[in-house]
Structures are given as structure tokens and as C-alpha cells.
Amino acid sequence: MEQETDFEAQLQLLTQNIQDLTVQANDDTLMLLSLLRTLEQLHQKIREDVFQKTLPKNRQELYHLLREIEAQGGWPYIPRKSLRFILKNLDLSTPSDPDNKGA
């Protein structure tokens, strides 16, 4: 139980640090993109190197895992915005790039 409490405290601290970095980025798209890329890479590394090894080996373990996922809020996923979404929200009326010559 103490190990779980320590884990939760460390996770809370990590979450706060990430939120602080988000504030520090202060609307800087490239800094925020770097943060998102880092989080996505970390997500992938944890999933592939550690998490997949812990997945259930039999039906009973699978049942318990699925019940836990359902009770705790679902499977973690980091979605990516599509290029269409970005282009749809892009204001093309005023070129902000000096290299953009009305293309």
C-alpha cells in the first residue's frame, strides 16, 4: 500500500511538472509541439518496452484487466491532429511566412 501511495505521489508531481512546462511554453507552438512529441515517445516506449510484457496470459487475468480498465476510465491513447484539421483552422487570408509568395 505504501508503494502505491508513493507511486501516486510521484505521478502527481510528474503531472504538475508537465503542467508547469505547458505554462512555461506560453503559447509557443514549437515548444508545445516538442512537449507533445516527448510525451508521445514516452507513451510509446512505456507501451512497447514495459506495458506489453505485463498483459494477461490467460482469460481470467484478461477479465480482471478489462474490469479494471472499465472501472478506471478506459485505455490510454494520445491522438494526433490530422493535417486536414490544421489546414481547416488555418487563416490563409494573411501570409505570415515571408517565403510564402501567394502560393
C-alpha atoms as a PDB file:
ATOM      1  CA  MET A   1       0.000   0.000   0.000  1.00  0.00           C
ATOM      2  CA  GLU A   2       2.867   2.381   0.818  1.00  0.00           C
ATOM      3  CA  GLN A   3       4.447   1.678  -2.579  1.00  0.00           C
ATOM      4  CA  GLU A   4       1.170   2.564  -4.318  1.00  0.00           C
ATOM      5  CA  THR A   5       0.880   5.809  -2.330  1.00  0.00           C
ATOM      6  CA  ASP A   6       4.477   6.736  -3.226  1.00  0.00           C
ATOM      7  CA  PHE A   7       3.775   5.938  -6.879  1.00  0.00           C
ATOM      8  CA  GLU A   8       0.666   8.130  -6.866  1.00  0.00           C
ATOM      9  CA  ALA A   9       2.619  10.986  -5.231  1.00  0.00           C
ATOM     10  CA  GLN A  10       5.383  10.728  -7.836  1.00  0.00           C
ATOM     11  CA  LEU A  11       2.807  10.593 -10.619  1.00  0.00           C
ATOM     12  CA  GLN A  12       1.105  13.709  -9.220  1.00  0.00           C
ATOM     13  CA  LEU A  13       4.464  15.519  -9.095  1.00  0.00           C
ATOM     14  CA  LEU A  14       5.232  14.493 -12.670  1.00  0.00           C
ATOM     15  CA  THR A  15       1.817  15.739 -13.783  1.00  0.00           C
ATOM     16  CA  GLN A  16       2.435  19.084 -12.084  1.00  0.00           C
ATOM     17  CA  ASN A  17       5.868  19.364 -13.746  1.00  0.00           C
ATOM     18  CA  ILE A  18       4.322  18.741 -17.163  1.00  0.00           C
ATOM     19  CA  GLN A  19       1.636  21.339 -16.473  1.00  0.00           C
ATOM     20  CA  ASP A  20       4.356  23.802 -15.414  1.00  0.00           C
ATOM     21  CA  LEU A  21       6.203  23.192 -18.693  1.00  0.00           C
ATOM     22  CA  THR A  22       2.980  23.860 -20.562  1.00  0.00           C
ATOM     23  CA  VAL A  23       2.618  27.214 -18.821  1.00  0.00           C
ATOM     24  CA  GLN A  24       6.307  27.962 -19.409  1.00  0.00           C
ATOM     25  CA  ALA A  25       5.828  27.382 -23.152  1.00  0.00           C
ATOM     26  CA  ASN A  26       3.469  30.378 -23.044  1.00  0.00           C
ATOM     27  CA  ASP A  27       1.681  29.811 -26.345  1.00  0.00           C
ATOM     28  CA  ASP A  28       4.922  28.889 -28.172  1.00  0.00           C
ATOM     29  CA  THR A  29       3.768  26.361 -30.751  1.00  0.00           C
ATOM     30  CA  LEU A  30       7.217  24.795 -31.241  1.00  0.00           C
ATOM     31  CA  MET A  31       7.805  24.341 -27.510  1.00  0.00           C
ATOM     32  CA  LEU A  32       4.363  22.797 -27.074  1.00  0.00           C
ATOM     33  CA  LEU A  33       4.958  20.553 -30.089  1.00  0.00           C
ATOM     34  CA  SER A  34       8.239  19.424 -28.546  1.00  0.00           C
ATOM     35  CA  LEU A  35       6.448  18.617 -25.289  1.00  0.00           C
ATOM     36  CA  LEU A  36       3.755  16.641 -27.117  1.00  0.00           C
ATOM     37  CA  ARG A  37       6.357  14.723 -29.132  1.00  0.00           C
ATOM     38  CA  THR A  38       8.245  13.851 -25.956  1.00  0.00           C
ATOM     39  CA  LEU A  39       5.074  12.645 -24.253  1.00  0.00           C
ATOM     40  CA  GLU A  40       4.123  10.589 -27.298  1.00  0.00           C
ATOM     41  CA  GLN A  41       7.591   8.999 -27.459  1.00  0.00           C
ATOM     42  CA  LEU A  42       7.470   8.216 -23.760  1.00  0.00           C
ATOM     43  CA  HIS A  43       3.984   6.734 -24.143  1.00  0.00           C
ATOM     44  CA  GLN A  44       5.219   4.511 -26.979  1.00  0.00           C
ATOM     45  CA  LYS A  45       8.346   3.429 -25.070  1.00  0.00           C
ATOM     46  CA  ILE A  46       6.392   2.506 -21.935  1.00  0.00           C
ATOM     47  CA  ARG A  47       3.777   0.669 -24.005  1.00  0.00           C
ATOM     48  CA  GLU A  48       6.260  -1.313 -26.106  1.00  0.00           C
ATOM     49  CA  ASP A  49       9.103  -1.931 -23.634  1.00  0.00           C
ATOM     50  CA  VAL A  50       7.248  -2.430 -20.369  1.00  0.00           C
ATOM     51  CA  PHE A  51       3.445  -2.485 -20.533  1.00  0.00           C
ATOM     52  CA  GLN A  52       3.006  -5.131 -23.234  1.00  0.00           C
ATOM     53  CA  LYS A  53       5.075  -7.565 -21.166  1.00  0.00           C
ATOM     54  CA  THR A  54       2.576  -7.231 -18.318  1.00  0.00           C
ATOM     55  CA  LEU A  55      -0.509  -8.044 -20.369  1.00  0.00           C
ATOM     56  CA  PRO A  56      -2.633 -11.027 -19.301  1.00  0.00           C
ATOM     57  CA  LYS A  57      -1.552 -14.549 -20.144  1.00  0.00           C
ATOM     58  CA  ASN A  58      -4.947 -16.195 -19.625  1.00  0.00           C
ATOM     59  CA  ARG A  59      -8.690 -15.456 -19.743  1.00  0.00           C
ATOM     60  CA  GLN A  60      -9.069 -14.850 -16.025  1.00  0.00           C
ATOM     61  CA  GLU A  61      -6.283 -12.253 -15.971  1.00  0.00           C
ATOM     62  CA  LEU A  62      -7.744 -10.638 -19.090  1.00  0.00           C
ATOM     63  CA  TYR A  63     -11.174 -10.443 -17.471  1.00  0.00           C
ATOM     64  CA  HIS A  64      -9.738  -8.736 -14.382  1.00  0.00           C
ATOM     65  CA  LEU A  65      -7.750  -6.283 -16.506  1.00  0.00           C
ATOM     66  CA  LEU A  66     -10.773  -5.368 -18.624  1.00  0.00           C
ATOM     67  CA  ARG A  67     -12.882  -4.838 -15.489  1.00  0.00           C
ATOM     68  CA  GLU A  68     -10.191  -2.563 -14.063  1.00  0.00           C
ATOM     69  CA  ILE A  69      -9.896  -0.587 -17.312  1.00  0.00           C
ATOM     70  CA  GLU A  70     -13.655  -0.162 -17.435  1.00  0.00           C
ATOM     71  CA  ALA A  71     -13.829   0.962 -13.803  1.00  0.00           C
ATOM     72  CA  GLN A  72     -10.883   3.359 -14.042  1.00  0.00           C
ATOM     73  CA  GLY A  73     -11.721   5.182 -17.254  1.00  0.00           C
ATOM     74  CA  GLY A  74     -10.527   3.417 -20.348  1.00  0.00           C
ATOM     75  CA  TRP A  75      -7.424   2.714 -22.361  1.00  0.00           C
ATOM     76  CA  PRO A  76      -4.752   5.451 -22.634  1.00  0.00           C
ATOM     77  CA  TYR A  77      -4.362   6.949 -26.068  1.00  0.00           C
ATOM     78  CA  ILE A  78      -2.597  10.028 -27.378  1.00  0.00           C
ATOM     79  CA  PRO A  79      -4.442  11.135 -30.532  1.00  0.00           C
ATOM     80  CA  ARG A  80      -2.802  13.218 -33.239  1.00  0.00           C
ATOM     81  CA  LYS A  81      -4.456  16.059 -35.037  1.00  0.00           C
ATOM     82  CA  SER A  82      -4.737  15.454 -38.732  1.00  0.00           C
ATOM     83  CA  LEU A  83      -3.290  17.771 -41.325  1.00  0.00           C
ATOM     84  CA  ARG A  84      -6.843  18.438 -42.506  1.00  0.00           C
ATOM     85  CA  PHE A  85      -7.771  19.767 -39.059  1.00  0.00           C
ATOM     86  CA  ILE A  86      -4.782  22.121 -39.090  1.00  0.00           C
ATOM     87  CA  LEU A  87      -5.479  23.326 -42.634  1.00  0.00           C
ATOM     88  CA  LYS A  88      -9.169  23.794 -41.879  1.00  0.00           C
ATOM     89  CA  ASN A  89      -8.319  26.098 -38.994  1.00  0.00           C
ATOM     90  CA  LEU A  90      -5.582  27.959 -40.839  1.00  0.00           C
ATOM     91  CA  ASP A  91      -6.331  31.531 -41.845  1.00  0.00           C
ATOM     92  CA  LEU A  92      -4.979  31.721 -45.387  1.00  0.00           C
ATOM     93  CA  SER A  93      -6.026  35.342 -45.906  1.00  0.00           C
ATOM     94  CA  THR A  94      -2.857  36.875 -44.386  1.00  0.00           C
ATOM     95  CA  PRO A  95       0.501  35.302 -45.216  1.00  0.00           C
ATOM     96  CA  SER A  96       2.742  35.301 -42.146  1.00  0.00           C
ATOM     97  CA  ASP A  97       5.633  33.499 -43.842  1.00  0.00           C
ATOM     98  CA  PRO A  98       7.917  35.784 -45.879  1.00  0.00           C
ATOM     99  CA  ASP A  99       8.715  32.821 -48.137  1.00  0.00           C
ATOM    100  CA  ASN A 100       5.013  32.448 -48.973  1.00  0.00           C
ATOM    101  CA  LYS A 101       4.606  34.333 -52.220  1.00  0.00           C
ATOM    102  CA  GLY A 102       0.894  33.837 -52.632  1.00  0.00           C
ATOM    103  CA  ALA A 103       1.157  30.139 -53.365  1.00  0.00           C
END
